[in-house]
């Protein structure tokens, strides 16, 4: 298992908590040099990549520790900073494209490559257009559209690769308590990992080009 981290020392510490078979790799998804170096290292040490989980994501670039309510208020379409929109897209969308493109040759070397993009129900236009959707009030001009774009990228890669053994799917882990929401989330990391792990371990008959959570398919 490879653990990508912008800060290599923190990545090493995280890998140690997983076990001796986990290895840290320095990876900043907004840096072409970092992405290329990671791909070169993986090629040299492992020869291939079986599963790529694009989990890097940010909700804002403001002061750390802001509450979810504060982030949402600052992300309303009427007040959102275009610089912040660009910065979030740089990680959540462009970073996924760049990393996937760099790792695709390594995934092609695997007998059954898998790509799992960590998205969000907040990226579903169908859900957000429904007044009964419980998280509708959190839709923004920053994070939400970045996940909508990520879903589109997921489907684009899936369509391109559908004639290969590689499967590409998007997953919503739910409102998980992590740094991205100042640990206000209601789900544990262990709960959030279930659906991404399932998609990473799909057999040859598994789907590609889907968007789901632990309860089943989600609308785009």
N, C-alpha and C. Protein backbone atom coordinates (compact mmCIF):
# COMPACT_ATOMS: atom_id res chain seq x y z
N UNK A 1 0.84 -1.19 0.00
CA UNK A 1 0.00 0.00 0.00
C UNK A 1 0.87 1.24 0.00
N UNK A 2 0.50 2.22 -0.82
CA UNK A 2 1.22 3.47 -0.89
C UNK A 2 0.34 4.59 -0.34
N UNK A 3 0.94 5.43 0.50
CA UNK A 3 0.23 6.54 1.13
C UNK A 3 0.80 7.83 0.59
N UNK A 4 0.04 8.53 -0.25
CA UNK A 4 0.51 9.80 -0.78
C UNK A 4 0.29 10.92 0.21
N UNK A 5 1.28 11.78 0.34
CA UNK A 5 1.18 12.89 1.29
C UNK A 5 2.02 14.06 0.80
N UNK A 6 1.48 15.27 0.94
CA UNK A 6 2.26 16.46 0.57
C UNK A 6 3.50 16.56 1.44
N UNK A 7 3.33 16.30 2.73
CA UNK A 7 4.44 16.33 3.68
C UNK A 7 4.91 14.90 3.90
N UNK A 8 6.11 14.59 3.42
CA UNK A 8 6.59 13.21 3.47
C UNK A 8 6.71 12.70 4.90
N UNK A 9 7.16 13.53 5.83
CA UNK A 9 7.30 13.08 7.21
C UNK A 9 5.95 12.68 7.80
N UNK A 10 4.92 13.46 7.51
CA UNK A 10 3.59 13.11 7.99
C UNK A 10 3.08 11.85 7.29
N UNK A 11 3.44 11.70 6.03
CA UNK A 11 3.06 10.48 5.31
C UNK A 11 3.72 9.25 5.90
N UNK A 12 4.97 9.37 6.28
CA UNK A 12 5.68 8.24 6.91
C UNK A 12 5.03 7.87 8.22
N UNK A 13 4.66 8.89 9.00
CA UNK A 13 4.00 8.64 10.29
C UNK A 13 2.66 7.94 10.07
N UNK A 14 1.92 8.38 9.06
CA UNK A 14 0.62 7.76 8.77
C UNK A 14 0.80 6.33 8.30
N UNK A 15 1.80 6.09 7.47
CA UNK A 15 2.05 4.73 6.96
C UNK A 15 2.39 3.78 8.10
N UNK A 16 3.11 4.25 9.09
CA UNK A 16 3.48 3.40 10.23
C UNK A 16 2.25 2.94 11.01
N UNK A 17 1.21 3.77 11.03
CA UNK A 17 -0.01 3.37 11.75
C UNK A 17 -0.79 2.30 10.99
N UNK A 18 -0.50 2.15 9.70
CA UNK A 18 -1.19 1.15 8.89
C UNK A 18 -0.51 -0.20 8.99
N UNK A 19 0.82 -0.21 8.91
CA UNK A 19 1.54 -1.47 9.02
C UNK A 19 2.79 -1.49 8.17
N UNK A 20 3.58 -2.56 8.26
CA UNK A 20 4.87 -2.61 7.58
C UNK A 20 4.78 -2.63 6.06
N UNK A 21 3.63 -2.97 5.52
CA UNK A 21 3.48 -3.02 4.06
C UNK A 21 3.01 -1.69 3.48
N UNK A 22 2.86 -0.66 4.31
CA UNK A 22 2.46 0.66 3.84
C UNK A 22 3.71 1.52 3.65
N UNK A 23 3.75 2.22 2.54
CA UNK A 23 4.91 3.05 2.21
C UNK A 23 4.44 4.45 1.85
N UNK A 24 5.10 5.45 2.40
CA UNK A 24 4.74 6.84 2.10
C UNK A 24 5.39 7.30 0.80
N UNK A 25 4.64 8.08 0.04
CA UNK A 25 5.14 8.66 -1.20
C UNK A 25 4.83 10.15 -1.17
N UNK A 26 5.83 10.99 -1.38
CA UNK A 26 5.58 12.42 -1.43
C UNK A 26 4.75 12.73 -2.67
N UNK A 27 3.61 13.37 -2.48
CA UNK A 27 2.73 13.66 -3.60
C UNK A 27 1.90 14.91 -3.32
N UNK A 28 2.16 15.94 -4.09
CA UNK A 28 1.35 17.16 -4.07
C UNK A 28 0.62 17.19 -5.40
N UNK A 29 -0.69 17.03 -5.38
CA UNK A 29 -1.44 16.90 -6.62
C UNK A 29 -1.50 18.19 -7.42
N UNK A 30 -1.04 19.29 -6.84
CA UNK A 30 -1.00 20.56 -7.56
C UNK A 30 0.38 20.84 -8.15
N UNK A 31 1.30 19.90 -8.01
CA UNK A 31 2.67 20.08 -8.50
C UNK A 31 3.00 19.01 -9.53
N UNK A 32 3.24 19.42 -10.77
CA UNK A 32 3.58 18.47 -11.83
C UNK A 32 4.87 17.72 -11.50
N UNK A 33 5.84 18.42 -10.93
CA UNK A 33 7.11 17.77 -10.59
C UNK A 33 6.91 16.70 -9.54
N UNK A 34 6.08 16.99 -8.53
CA UNK A 34 5.80 16.01 -7.48
C UNK A 34 5.07 14.80 -8.04
N UNK A 35 4.10 15.03 -8.90
CA UNK A 35 3.35 13.92 -9.51
C UNK A 35 4.28 13.04 -10.35
N UNK A 36 5.10 13.68 -11.17
CA UNK A 36 6.03 12.91 -12.02
C UNK A 36 7.02 12.11 -11.18
N UNK A 37 7.50 12.71 -10.10
CA UNK A 37 8.46 12.01 -9.24
C UNK A 37 7.80 10.81 -8.57
N UNK A 38 6.55 10.97 -8.16
CA UNK A 38 5.84 9.85 -7.54
C UNK A 38 5.64 8.71 -8.52
N UNK A 39 5.24 9.04 -9.75
CA UNK A 39 5.05 8.01 -10.77
C UNK A 39 6.36 7.29 -11.08
N UNK A 40 7.45 8.05 -11.15
CA UNK A 40 8.77 7.46 -11.42
C UNK A 40 9.19 6.53 -10.29
N UNK A 41 8.93 6.94 -9.06
CA UNK A 41 9.30 6.09 -7.92
C UNK A 41 8.47 4.80 -7.92
N UNK A 42 7.17 4.92 -8.18
CA UNK A 42 6.32 3.73 -8.19
C UNK A 42 6.77 2.78 -9.30
N UNK A 43 7.08 3.32 -10.45
CA UNK A 43 7.56 2.49 -11.56
C UNK A 43 8.84 1.77 -11.17
N UNK A 44 9.77 2.50 -10.55
CA UNK A 44 11.05 1.91 -10.21
C UNK A 44 10.98 0.88 -9.10
N UNK A 45 10.14 1.12 -8.08
CA UNK A 45 10.11 0.23 -6.92
C UNK A 45 9.08 -0.89 -7.03
N UNK A 46 7.98 -0.63 -7.75
CA UNK A 46 6.89 -1.60 -7.75
C UNK A 46 6.50 -2.08 -9.16
N UNK A 47 6.83 -1.32 -10.17
CA UNK A 47 6.59 -1.75 -11.54
C UNK A 47 5.19 -1.54 -12.06
N UNK A 48 4.24 -1.38 -11.17
CA UNK A 48 2.85 -1.19 -11.59
C UNK A 48 2.05 -0.60 -10.43
N UNK A 49 0.80 -0.23 -10.74
CA UNK A 49 -0.12 0.27 -9.72
C UNK A 49 -1.45 -0.45 -9.92
N UNK A 50 -1.93 -1.11 -8.88
CA UNK A 50 -3.17 -1.88 -8.99
C UNK A 50 -4.41 -1.02 -8.76
N UNK A 51 -4.32 -0.10 -7.81
CA UNK A 51 -5.47 0.74 -7.45
C UNK A 51 -5.00 2.17 -7.22
N UNK A 52 -5.74 3.11 -7.81
CA UNK A 52 -5.49 4.53 -7.55
C UNK A 52 -6.73 5.11 -6.88
N UNK A 53 -6.57 5.60 -5.65
CA UNK A 53 -7.66 6.27 -4.94
C UNK A 53 -7.34 7.76 -4.90
N UNK A 54 -8.09 8.54 -5.65
CA UNK A 54 -7.91 9.99 -5.66
C UNK A 54 -8.72 10.58 -4.52
N UNK A 55 -8.05 10.75 -3.38
CA UNK A 55 -8.72 11.18 -2.16
C UNK A 55 -8.35 12.61 -1.75
N UNK A 56 -7.34 13.19 -2.40
CA UNK A 56 -6.94 14.55 -2.03
C UNK A 56 -8.09 15.51 -2.32
N UNK A 57 -8.41 16.35 -1.36
CA UNK A 57 -9.50 17.29 -1.56
C UNK A 57 -9.49 18.39 -0.51
N UNK A 58 -9.91 19.58 -0.91
CA UNK A 58 -10.03 20.69 0.02
C UNK A 58 -11.39 21.36 -0.18
N UNK A 59 -11.89 22.01 0.86
CA UNK A 59 -13.18 22.70 0.77
C UNK A 59 -13.01 24.21 0.64
N UNK A 60 -11.85 24.71 1.07
CA UNK A 60 -11.59 26.15 1.02
C UNK A 60 -10.11 26.38 1.22
N UNK A 61 -9.68 27.60 1.06
CA UNK A 61 -8.27 27.93 1.31
C UNK A 61 -8.16 29.05 2.34
N UNK A 62 -9.22 29.22 3.11
CA UNK A 62 -9.22 30.26 4.14
C UNK A 62 -8.51 29.82 5.41
N UNK A 63 -8.73 30.55 6.46
CA UNK A 63 -8.07 30.28 7.74
C UNK A 63 -8.46 28.91 8.26
N UNK A 64 -7.49 28.09 8.67
CA UNK A 64 -7.81 26.76 9.22
C UNK A 64 -8.69 26.88 10.46
N UNK A 65 -9.51 25.86 10.67
CA UNK A 65 -10.34 25.83 11.87
C UNK A 65 -11.69 26.48 11.72
N UNK A 66 -12.00 27.02 10.53
CA UNK A 66 -13.32 27.60 10.34
C UNK A 66 -14.39 26.52 10.41
N UNK A 67 -15.54 26.86 10.95
CA UNK A 67 -16.63 25.89 11.04
C UNK A 67 -17.22 25.67 9.66
N UNK A 68 -18.00 24.59 9.53
CA UNK A 68 -18.67 24.31 8.27
C UNK A 68 -19.59 25.47 7.90
N UNK A 69 -20.30 26.01 8.89
CA UNK A 69 -21.21 27.13 8.63
C UNK A 69 -20.46 28.34 8.10
N UNK A 70 -19.29 28.60 8.63
CA UNK A 70 -18.50 29.74 8.16
C UNK A 70 -18.01 29.53 6.74
N UNK A 71 -17.59 28.31 6.45
CA UNK A 71 -17.11 28.00 5.10
C UNK A 71 -18.24 28.13 4.09
N UNK A 72 -19.41 27.59 4.44
CA UNK A 72 -20.57 27.66 3.54
C UNK A 72 -20.97 29.11 3.29
N UNK A 73 -20.99 29.90 4.35
CA UNK A 73 -21.38 31.31 4.21
C UNK A 73 -20.44 32.07 3.28
N UNK A 74 -19.15 31.74 3.34
CA UNK A 74 -18.17 32.43 2.50
C UNK A 74 -18.13 31.88 1.09
N UNK A 75 -18.84 30.77 0.85
CA UNK A 75 -18.80 30.11 -0.45
C UNK A 75 -20.07 30.31 -1.26
N UNK A 76 -20.99 31.13 -0.74
CA UNK A 76 -22.22 31.38 -1.48
C UNK A 76 -21.89 32.00 -2.83
N UNK A 77 -22.67 31.68 -3.87
CA UNK A 77 -22.37 32.22 -5.20
C UNK A 77 -22.26 33.73 -5.24
N UNK A 78 -23.00 34.43 -4.39
CA UNK A 78 -23.00 35.90 -4.42
C UNK A 78 -21.75 36.51 -3.82
N UNK A 79 -21.00 35.73 -3.03
CA UNK A 79 -19.84 36.31 -2.33
C UNK A 79 -18.55 35.51 -2.51
N UNK A 80 -18.62 34.35 -3.14
CA UNK A 80 -17.45 33.47 -3.24
C UNK A 80 -16.30 34.16 -3.97
N UNK A 81 -15.11 33.94 -3.46
CA UNK A 81 -13.90 34.48 -4.08
C UNK A 81 -13.51 33.61 -5.27
N UNK A 82 -13.29 34.23 -6.43
CA UNK A 82 -12.86 33.47 -7.60
C UNK A 82 -11.49 32.84 -7.38
N UNK A 83 -10.64 33.51 -6.60
CA UNK A 83 -9.33 32.91 -6.30
C UNK A 83 -9.50 31.61 -5.52
N UNK A 84 -10.48 31.60 -4.61
CA UNK A 84 -10.72 30.38 -3.84
C UNK A 84 -11.31 29.29 -4.72
N UNK A 85 -12.22 29.66 -5.61
CA UNK A 85 -12.78 28.68 -6.55
C UNK A 85 -11.67 28.04 -7.37
N UNK A 86 -10.78 28.86 -7.89
CA UNK A 86 -9.67 28.34 -8.70
C UNK A 86 -8.77 27.41 -7.88
N UNK A 87 -8.49 27.80 -6.65
CA UNK A 87 -7.60 27.00 -5.80
C UNK A 87 -8.22 25.65 -5.47
N UNK A 88 -9.52 25.63 -5.17
CA UNK A 88 -10.19 24.36 -4.85
C UNK A 88 -10.25 23.47 -6.08
N UNK A 89 -10.54 24.06 -7.23
CA UNK A 89 -10.56 23.27 -8.47
C UNK A 89 -9.16 22.73 -8.79
N UNK A 90 -8.13 23.47 -8.44
CA UNK A 90 -6.76 23.03 -8.71
C UNK A 90 -6.49 21.69 -8.03
N UNK A 91 -6.98 21.52 -6.81
CA UNK A 91 -6.80 20.26 -6.08
C UNK A 91 -7.86 19.23 -6.46
N UNK A 92 -9.11 19.62 -6.38
CA UNK A 92 -10.21 18.66 -6.48
C UNK A 92 -10.50 18.17 -7.89
N UNK A 93 -10.12 18.95 -8.89
CA UNK A 93 -10.42 18.58 -10.27
C UNK A 93 -9.14 18.40 -11.09
N UNK A 94 -8.37 19.49 -11.23
CA UNK A 94 -7.18 19.42 -12.06
C UNK A 94 -6.16 18.44 -11.49
N UNK A 95 -6.07 18.39 -10.16
CA UNK A 95 -5.15 17.45 -9.54
C UNK A 95 -5.51 16.01 -9.83
N UNK A 96 -6.80 15.71 -9.84
CA UNK A 96 -7.25 14.34 -10.15
C UNK A 96 -6.90 13.99 -11.58
N UNK A 97 -7.13 14.92 -12.50
CA UNK A 97 -6.79 14.65 -13.90
C UNK A 97 -5.29 14.40 -14.04
N UNK A 98 -4.49 15.27 -13.44
CA UNK A 98 -3.04 15.17 -13.58
C UNK A 98 -2.50 13.88 -12.99
N UNK A 99 -2.96 13.53 -11.79
CA UNK A 99 -2.48 12.30 -11.15
C UNK A 99 -2.94 11.07 -11.92
N UNK A 100 -4.18 11.06 -12.37
CA UNK A 100 -4.69 9.90 -13.11
C UNK A 100 -3.93 9.73 -14.42
N UNK A 101 -3.68 10.82 -15.13
CA UNK A 101 -2.91 10.73 -16.37
C UNK A 101 -1.52 10.16 -16.12
N UNK A 102 -0.88 10.61 -15.04
CA UNK A 102 0.48 10.16 -14.73
C UNK A 102 0.52 8.70 -14.31
N UNK A 103 -0.53 8.25 -13.60
CA UNK A 103 -0.54 6.88 -13.09
C UNK A 103 -1.16 5.88 -14.05
N UNK A 104 -1.81 6.35 -15.10
CA UNK A 104 -2.49 5.45 -16.01
C UNK A 104 -1.56 4.41 -16.65
N UNK A 105 -0.36 4.79 -17.09
CA UNK A 105 0.54 3.75 -17.63
C UNK A 105 0.86 2.66 -16.61
N UNK A 106 0.95 3.01 -15.33
CA UNK A 106 1.21 2.03 -14.28
C UNK A 106 -0.03 1.16 -14.03
N UNK A 107 -1.21 1.75 -14.13
CA UNK A 107 -2.45 0.98 -13.97
C UNK A 107 -2.65 0.01 -15.12
N UNK A 108 -2.19 0.40 -16.31
CA UNK A 108 -2.31 -0.50 -17.47
C UNK A 108 -1.44 -1.74 -17.31
N UNK A 109 -0.39 -1.63 -16.47
CA UNK A 109 0.49 -2.78 -16.22
C UNK A 109 -0.15 -3.78 -15.27
N UNK A 110 -1.18 -3.37 -14.54
CA UNK A 110 -1.87 -4.25 -13.59
C UNK A 110 -2.86 -5.13 -14.35
N UNK A 111 -3.11 -6.34 -13.85
CA UNK A 111 -4.10 -7.21 -14.52
C UNK A 111 -5.51 -6.65 -14.47
N UNK A 112 -5.82 -5.86 -13.46
CA UNK A 112 -7.17 -5.31 -13.32
C UNK A 112 -7.11 -4.01 -12.54
N UNK A 113 -6.69 -2.95 -13.20
CA UNK A 113 -6.54 -1.66 -12.52
C UNK A 113 -7.87 -1.08 -12.07
N UNK A 114 -7.83 -0.38 -10.97
CA UNK A 114 -9.04 0.26 -10.44
C UNK A 114 -8.72 1.72 -10.08
N UNK A 115 -9.64 2.61 -10.44
CA UNK A 115 -9.53 4.02 -10.07
C UNK A 115 -10.78 4.39 -9.28
N UNK A 116 -10.58 4.92 -8.09
CA UNK A 116 -11.69 5.33 -7.23
C UNK A 116 -11.51 6.82 -6.92
N UNK A 117 -12.46 7.61 -7.36
CA UNK A 117 -12.42 9.06 -7.11
C UNK A 117 -13.37 9.40 -5.97
N UNK A 118 -12.83 9.99 -4.92
CA UNK A 118 -13.65 10.33 -3.75
C UNK A 118 -14.39 11.64 -4.03
N UNK A 119 -15.69 11.54 -4.20
CA UNK A 119 -16.54 12.67 -4.55
C UNK A 119 -17.41 13.03 -3.35
N UNK A 120 -18.59 13.56 -3.62
CA UNK A 120 -19.50 13.97 -2.55
C UNK A 120 -20.91 14.09 -3.11
N UNK A 121 -21.88 13.81 -2.26
CA UNK A 121 -23.27 14.03 -2.65
C UNK A 121 -23.54 15.49 -2.97
N UNK A 122 -22.72 16.39 -2.43
CA UNK A 122 -22.87 17.81 -2.73
C UNK A 122 -22.53 18.12 -4.18
N UNK A 123 -21.93 17.16 -4.89
CA UNK A 123 -21.64 17.34 -6.30
C UNK A 123 -22.76 16.86 -7.20
N UNK A 124 -23.79 16.24 -6.63
CA UNK A 124 -24.91 15.73 -7.41
C UNK A 124 -25.91 16.83 -7.72
N UNK A 125 -26.05 17.18 -8.99
CA UNK A 125 -27.02 18.20 -9.37
C UNK A 125 -28.43 17.71 -9.10
N UNK A 126 -28.66 16.42 -9.30
CA UNK A 126 -30.00 15.87 -9.07
C UNK A 126 -30.38 15.99 -7.60
N UNK A 127 -29.48 15.59 -6.70
CA UNK A 127 -29.78 15.67 -5.27
C UNK A 127 -29.97 17.11 -4.83
N UNK A 128 -29.09 17.99 -5.26
CA UNK A 128 -29.16 19.37 -4.81
C UNK A 128 -30.36 20.13 -5.37
N UNK A 129 -30.94 19.65 -6.45
CA UNK A 129 -32.13 20.30 -6.99
C UNK A 129 -33.40 19.84 -6.29
N UNK A 130 -33.26 18.87 -5.39
CA UNK A 130 -34.40 18.35 -4.64
C UNK A 130 -34.49 19.09 -3.29
N UNK A 131 -35.57 19.84 -3.04
CA UNK A 131 -35.69 20.60 -1.78
C UNK A 131 -35.62 19.73 -0.53
N UNK A 132 -35.86 18.42 -0.67
CA UNK A 132 -35.83 17.54 0.51
C UNK A 132 -34.44 17.00 0.81
N UNK A 133 -33.47 17.28 -0.04
CA UNK A 133 -32.10 16.80 0.20
C UNK A 133 -31.56 17.46 1.46
N UNK A 134 -31.16 16.67 2.47
CA UNK A 134 -30.81 17.27 3.77
C UNK A 134 -29.58 18.17 3.76
N UNK A 135 -28.70 18.01 2.77
CA UNK A 135 -27.49 18.82 2.73
C UNK A 135 -27.58 19.93 1.68
N UNK A 136 -28.77 20.17 1.18
CA UNK A 136 -28.95 21.16 0.11
C UNK A 136 -28.48 22.55 0.52
N UNK A 137 -28.65 22.89 1.77
CA UNK A 137 -28.26 24.23 2.24
C UNK A 137 -26.76 24.46 2.15
N UNK A 138 -25.99 23.37 2.00
CA UNK A 138 -24.53 23.51 1.96
C UNK A 138 -23.99 23.67 0.55
N UNK A 139 -24.86 23.65 -0.47
CA UNK A 139 -24.36 23.81 -1.83
C UNK A 139 -23.70 25.18 -1.96
N UNK A 140 -22.60 25.23 -2.69
CA UNK A 140 -21.81 26.46 -2.77
C UNK A 140 -21.31 26.66 -4.18
N UNK A 141 -20.57 27.74 -4.36
CA UNK A 141 -19.94 28.01 -5.65
C UNK A 141 -18.49 27.55 -5.66
N UNK A 142 -18.07 26.86 -4.60
CA UNK A 142 -16.67 26.47 -4.47
C UNK A 142 -16.54 24.94 -4.44
N UNK A 143 -16.84 24.34 -3.32
CA UNK A 143 -16.66 22.90 -3.15
C UNK A 143 -17.62 22.08 -4.01
N UNK A 144 -18.91 22.42 -3.97
CA UNK A 144 -19.92 21.63 -4.67
C UNK A 144 -19.63 21.49 -6.16
N UNK A 145 -19.41 22.59 -6.89
CA UNK A 145 -19.13 22.43 -8.32
C UNK A 145 -17.83 21.71 -8.62
N UNK A 146 -16.88 21.76 -7.68
CA UNK A 146 -15.65 21.00 -7.91
C UNK A 146 -15.93 19.51 -7.92
N UNK A 147 -16.87 19.08 -7.08
CA UNK A 147 -17.23 17.66 -7.04
C UNK A 147 -18.13 17.28 -8.22
N UNK A 148 -18.95 18.22 -8.69
CA UNK A 148 -19.72 17.97 -9.91
C UNK A 148 -18.77 17.75 -11.08
N UNK A 149 -17.75 18.60 -11.17
CA UNK A 149 -16.75 18.44 -12.23
C UNK A 149 -15.99 17.13 -12.07
N UNK A 150 -15.67 16.75 -10.83
CA UNK A 150 -14.98 15.49 -10.59
C UNK A 150 -15.82 14.31 -11.09
N UNK A 151 -17.14 14.37 -10.85
CA UNK A 151 -18.01 13.30 -11.33
C UNK A 151 -17.95 13.21 -12.85
N UNK A 152 -17.93 14.35 -13.53
CA UNK A 152 -17.85 14.36 -14.98
C UNK A 152 -16.53 13.77 -15.47
N UNK A 153 -15.44 14.11 -14.77
CA UNK A 153 -14.13 13.56 -15.13
C UNK A 153 -14.11 12.05 -14.92
N UNK A 154 -14.72 11.60 -13.84
CA UNK A 154 -14.81 10.16 -13.57
C UNK A 154 -15.48 9.44 -14.72
N UNK A 155 -16.60 9.96 -15.16
CA UNK A 155 -17.34 9.33 -16.24
C UNK A 155 -16.55 9.38 -17.54
N UNK A 156 -15.85 10.48 -17.79
CA UNK A 156 -15.05 10.60 -19.01
C UNK A 156 -13.94 9.55 -19.06
N UNK A 157 -13.23 9.36 -17.94
CA UNK A 157 -12.19 8.33 -17.89
C UNK A 157 -12.80 6.94 -18.03
N UNK A 158 -13.95 6.72 -17.39
CA UNK A 158 -14.59 5.41 -17.46
C UNK A 158 -14.98 5.05 -18.89
N UNK A 159 -15.53 6.03 -19.60
CA UNK A 159 -15.93 5.79 -20.99
C UNK A 159 -14.70 5.50 -21.86
N UNK A 160 -13.63 6.27 -21.67
CA UNK A 160 -12.43 6.05 -22.46
C UNK A 160 -11.82 4.68 -22.20
N UNK A 161 -11.90 4.22 -20.96
CA UNK A 161 -11.22 2.98 -20.58
C UNK A 161 -12.14 1.77 -20.53
N UNK A 162 -13.39 1.91 -20.97
CA UNK A 162 -14.34 0.80 -20.80
C UNK A 162 -13.98 -0.44 -21.63
N UNK A 163 -13.11 -0.30 -22.62
CA UNK A 163 -12.67 -1.46 -23.40
C UNK A 163 -11.44 -2.13 -22.79
N UNK A 164 -10.98 -1.62 -21.64
CA UNK A 164 -9.82 -2.17 -20.95
C UNK A 164 -10.28 -2.81 -19.64
N UNK A 165 -9.38 -3.51 -18.94
CA UNK A 165 -9.76 -4.07 -17.64
C UNK A 165 -9.89 -3.03 -16.53
N UNK A 166 -9.52 -1.77 -16.81
CA UNK A 166 -9.53 -0.74 -15.77
C UNK A 166 -10.96 -0.23 -15.54
N UNK A 167 -11.36 -0.16 -14.29
CA UNK A 167 -12.67 0.34 -13.92
C UNK A 167 -12.51 1.65 -13.14
N UNK A 168 -13.38 2.62 -13.45
CA UNK A 168 -13.28 3.94 -12.86
C UNK A 168 -14.63 4.32 -12.25
N UNK A 169 -14.64 4.61 -10.96
CA UNK A 169 -15.89 4.92 -10.28
C UNK A 169 -15.70 6.07 -9.29
N UNK A 170 -16.79 6.77 -9.01
CA UNK A 170 -16.80 7.84 -8.01
C UNK A 170 -17.58 7.38 -6.79
N UNK A 171 -17.17 7.88 -5.63
CA UNK A 171 -17.80 7.43 -4.38
C UNK A 171 -17.99 8.61 -3.44
N UNK A 172 -19.12 8.60 -2.75
CA UNK A 172 -19.37 9.57 -1.69
C UNK A 172 -19.17 8.87 -0.34
N UNK A 173 -18.19 9.29 0.45
CA UNK A 173 -17.96 8.64 1.75
C UNK A 173 -18.91 9.10 2.84
N UNK A 174 -19.72 10.12 2.55
CA UNK A 174 -20.60 10.68 3.56
C UNK A 174 -19.92 11.79 4.34
N UNK A 175 -20.66 12.37 5.26
CA UNK A 175 -20.18 13.50 6.06
C UNK A 175 -19.26 12.97 7.15
N UNK A 176 -17.99 12.86 6.80
CA UNK A 176 -17.00 12.18 7.64
C UNK A 176 -16.19 13.19 8.45
N UNK A 177 -15.92 12.85 9.68
CA UNK A 177 -15.17 13.73 10.57
C UNK A 177 -13.69 13.72 10.20
N UNK A 178 -13.28 14.75 9.46
CA UNK A 178 -11.87 14.91 9.07
C UNK A 178 -11.52 16.39 9.09
N UNK A 179 -10.27 16.71 8.75
CA UNK A 179 -9.81 18.09 8.70
C UNK A 179 -10.65 18.94 7.74
N UNK A 180 -11.18 18.32 6.68
CA UNK A 180 -11.86 19.10 5.65
C UNK A 180 -13.10 19.81 6.20
N UNK A 181 -13.69 19.26 7.27
CA UNK A 181 -14.87 19.91 7.87
C UNK A 181 -14.66 20.24 9.35
N UNK A 182 -13.39 20.42 9.72
CA UNK A 182 -13.05 20.77 11.10
C UNK A 182 -13.57 19.71 12.08
N UNK A 183 -13.62 18.45 11.60
CA UNK A 183 -14.05 17.29 12.38
C UNK A 183 -15.49 17.42 12.89
N UNK A 184 -16.31 18.12 12.13
CA UNK A 184 -17.74 18.23 12.46
C UNK A 184 -18.55 17.10 11.84
N UNK A 185 -17.94 16.28 11.00
CA UNK A 185 -18.65 15.20 10.33
C UNK A 185 -19.23 14.20 11.31
N UNK A 186 -20.24 13.47 10.84
CA UNK A 186 -20.95 12.53 11.71
C UNK A 186 -20.55 11.08 11.49
N UNK A 187 -19.71 10.83 10.50
CA UNK A 187 -19.27 9.46 10.22
C UNK A 187 -17.79 9.30 10.56
N UNK A 188 -17.41 8.09 10.94
CA UNK A 188 -16.01 7.80 11.22
C UNK A 188 -15.27 7.52 9.92
N UNK A 189 -13.96 7.61 9.97
CA UNK A 189 -13.15 7.28 8.80
C UNK A 189 -13.35 5.82 8.41
N UNK A 190 -13.49 4.96 9.40
CA UNK A 190 -13.71 3.54 9.12
C UNK A 190 -15.01 3.32 8.36
N UNK A 191 -16.06 4.01 8.77
CA UNK A 191 -17.33 3.90 8.05
C UNK A 191 -17.19 4.45 6.63
N UNK A 192 -16.52 5.58 6.51
CA UNK A 192 -16.37 6.23 5.21
C UNK A 192 -15.56 5.39 4.23
N UNK A 193 -14.67 4.55 4.74
CA UNK A 193 -13.78 3.77 3.87
C UNK A 193 -14.45 2.56 3.24
N UNK A 194 -15.60 2.15 3.73
CA UNK A 194 -16.20 0.89 3.27
C UNK A 194 -16.49 0.88 1.78
N UNK A 195 -17.15 1.91 1.29
CA UNK A 195 -17.52 1.92 -0.13
C UNK A 195 -16.31 2.12 -1.04
N UNK A 196 -15.37 3.02 -0.72
CA UNK A 196 -14.15 3.10 -1.54
C UNK A 196 -13.40 1.77 -1.61
N UNK A 197 -13.32 1.06 -0.49
CA UNK A 197 -12.63 -0.24 -0.49
C UNK A 197 -13.38 -1.24 -1.37
N UNK A 198 -14.70 -1.23 -1.30
CA UNK A 198 -15.47 -2.15 -2.14
C UNK A 198 -15.18 -1.88 -3.63
N UNK A 199 -15.17 -0.62 -4.00
CA UNK A 199 -14.92 -0.28 -5.40
C UNK A 199 -13.48 -0.60 -5.81
N UNK A 200 -12.56 -0.47 -4.89
CA UNK A 200 -11.17 -0.79 -5.19
C UNK A 200 -10.96 -2.28 -5.43
N UNK A 201 -11.84 -3.09 -4.86
CA UNK A 201 -11.69 -4.55 -4.94
C UNK A 201 -12.70 -5.18 -5.88
N UNK A 202 -13.31 -4.41 -6.77
CA UNK A 202 -14.27 -4.97 -7.72
C UNK A 202 -13.64 -6.07 -8.56
N UNK A 203 -14.43 -7.12 -8.83
CA UNK A 203 -13.94 -8.16 -9.72
C UNK A 203 -14.24 -7.77 -11.16
N UNK A 204 -13.94 -8.67 -12.08
CA UNK A 204 -14.07 -8.37 -13.51
C UNK A 204 -15.51 -8.06 -13.91
N UNK A 205 -16.47 -8.53 -13.13
CA UNK A 205 -17.88 -8.29 -13.45
C UNK A 205 -18.43 -7.02 -12.81
N UNK A 206 -17.59 -6.32 -12.06
CA UNK A 206 -18.03 -5.11 -11.37
C UNK A 206 -18.29 -3.97 -12.33
N UNK A 207 -19.00 -2.94 -11.86
CA UNK A 207 -19.37 -1.82 -12.72
C UNK A 207 -18.24 -0.82 -12.94
N UNK A 208 -18.39 0.00 -13.93
CA UNK A 208 -17.50 1.13 -14.16
C UNK A 208 -18.36 2.33 -14.54
N UNK A 209 -17.86 3.53 -14.24
CA UNK A 209 -18.62 4.73 -14.55
C UNK A 209 -19.81 4.94 -13.66
N UNK A 210 -19.68 4.62 -12.38
CA UNK A 210 -20.79 4.76 -11.44
C UNK A 210 -20.45 5.78 -10.36
N UNK A 211 -21.50 6.22 -9.67
CA UNK A 211 -21.38 7.14 -8.52
C UNK A 211 -22.24 6.54 -7.42
N UNK A 212 -21.64 6.26 -6.27
CA UNK A 212 -22.38 5.55 -5.23
C UNK A 212 -21.91 5.96 -3.85
N UNK A 213 -22.72 5.55 -2.86
CA UNK A 213 -22.29 5.57 -1.47
C UNK A 213 -22.57 4.20 -0.89
N UNK A 214 -22.43 4.08 0.42
CA UNK A 214 -22.57 2.77 1.05
C UNK A 214 -23.97 2.18 0.87
N UNK A 215 -24.96 3.03 0.62
CA UNK A 215 -26.33 2.56 0.48
C UNK A 215 -26.70 2.20 -0.95
N UNK A 216 -25.83 2.51 -1.91
CA UNK A 216 -26.12 2.17 -3.29
C UNK A 216 -25.83 3.30 -4.25
N UNK A 217 -26.36 3.21 -5.48
CA UNK A 217 -26.09 4.23 -6.50
C UNK A 217 -26.61 5.61 -6.11
N UNK A 218 -25.89 6.63 -6.54
CA UNK A 218 -26.31 8.02 -6.37
C UNK A 218 -26.53 8.64 -7.75
N UNK A 219 -27.46 9.60 -7.86
CA UNK A 219 -27.67 10.26 -9.14
C UNK A 219 -26.57 11.27 -9.42
N UNK A 220 -26.25 11.45 -10.68
CA UNK A 220 -25.21 12.42 -11.05
C UNK A 220 -25.69 13.84 -10.77
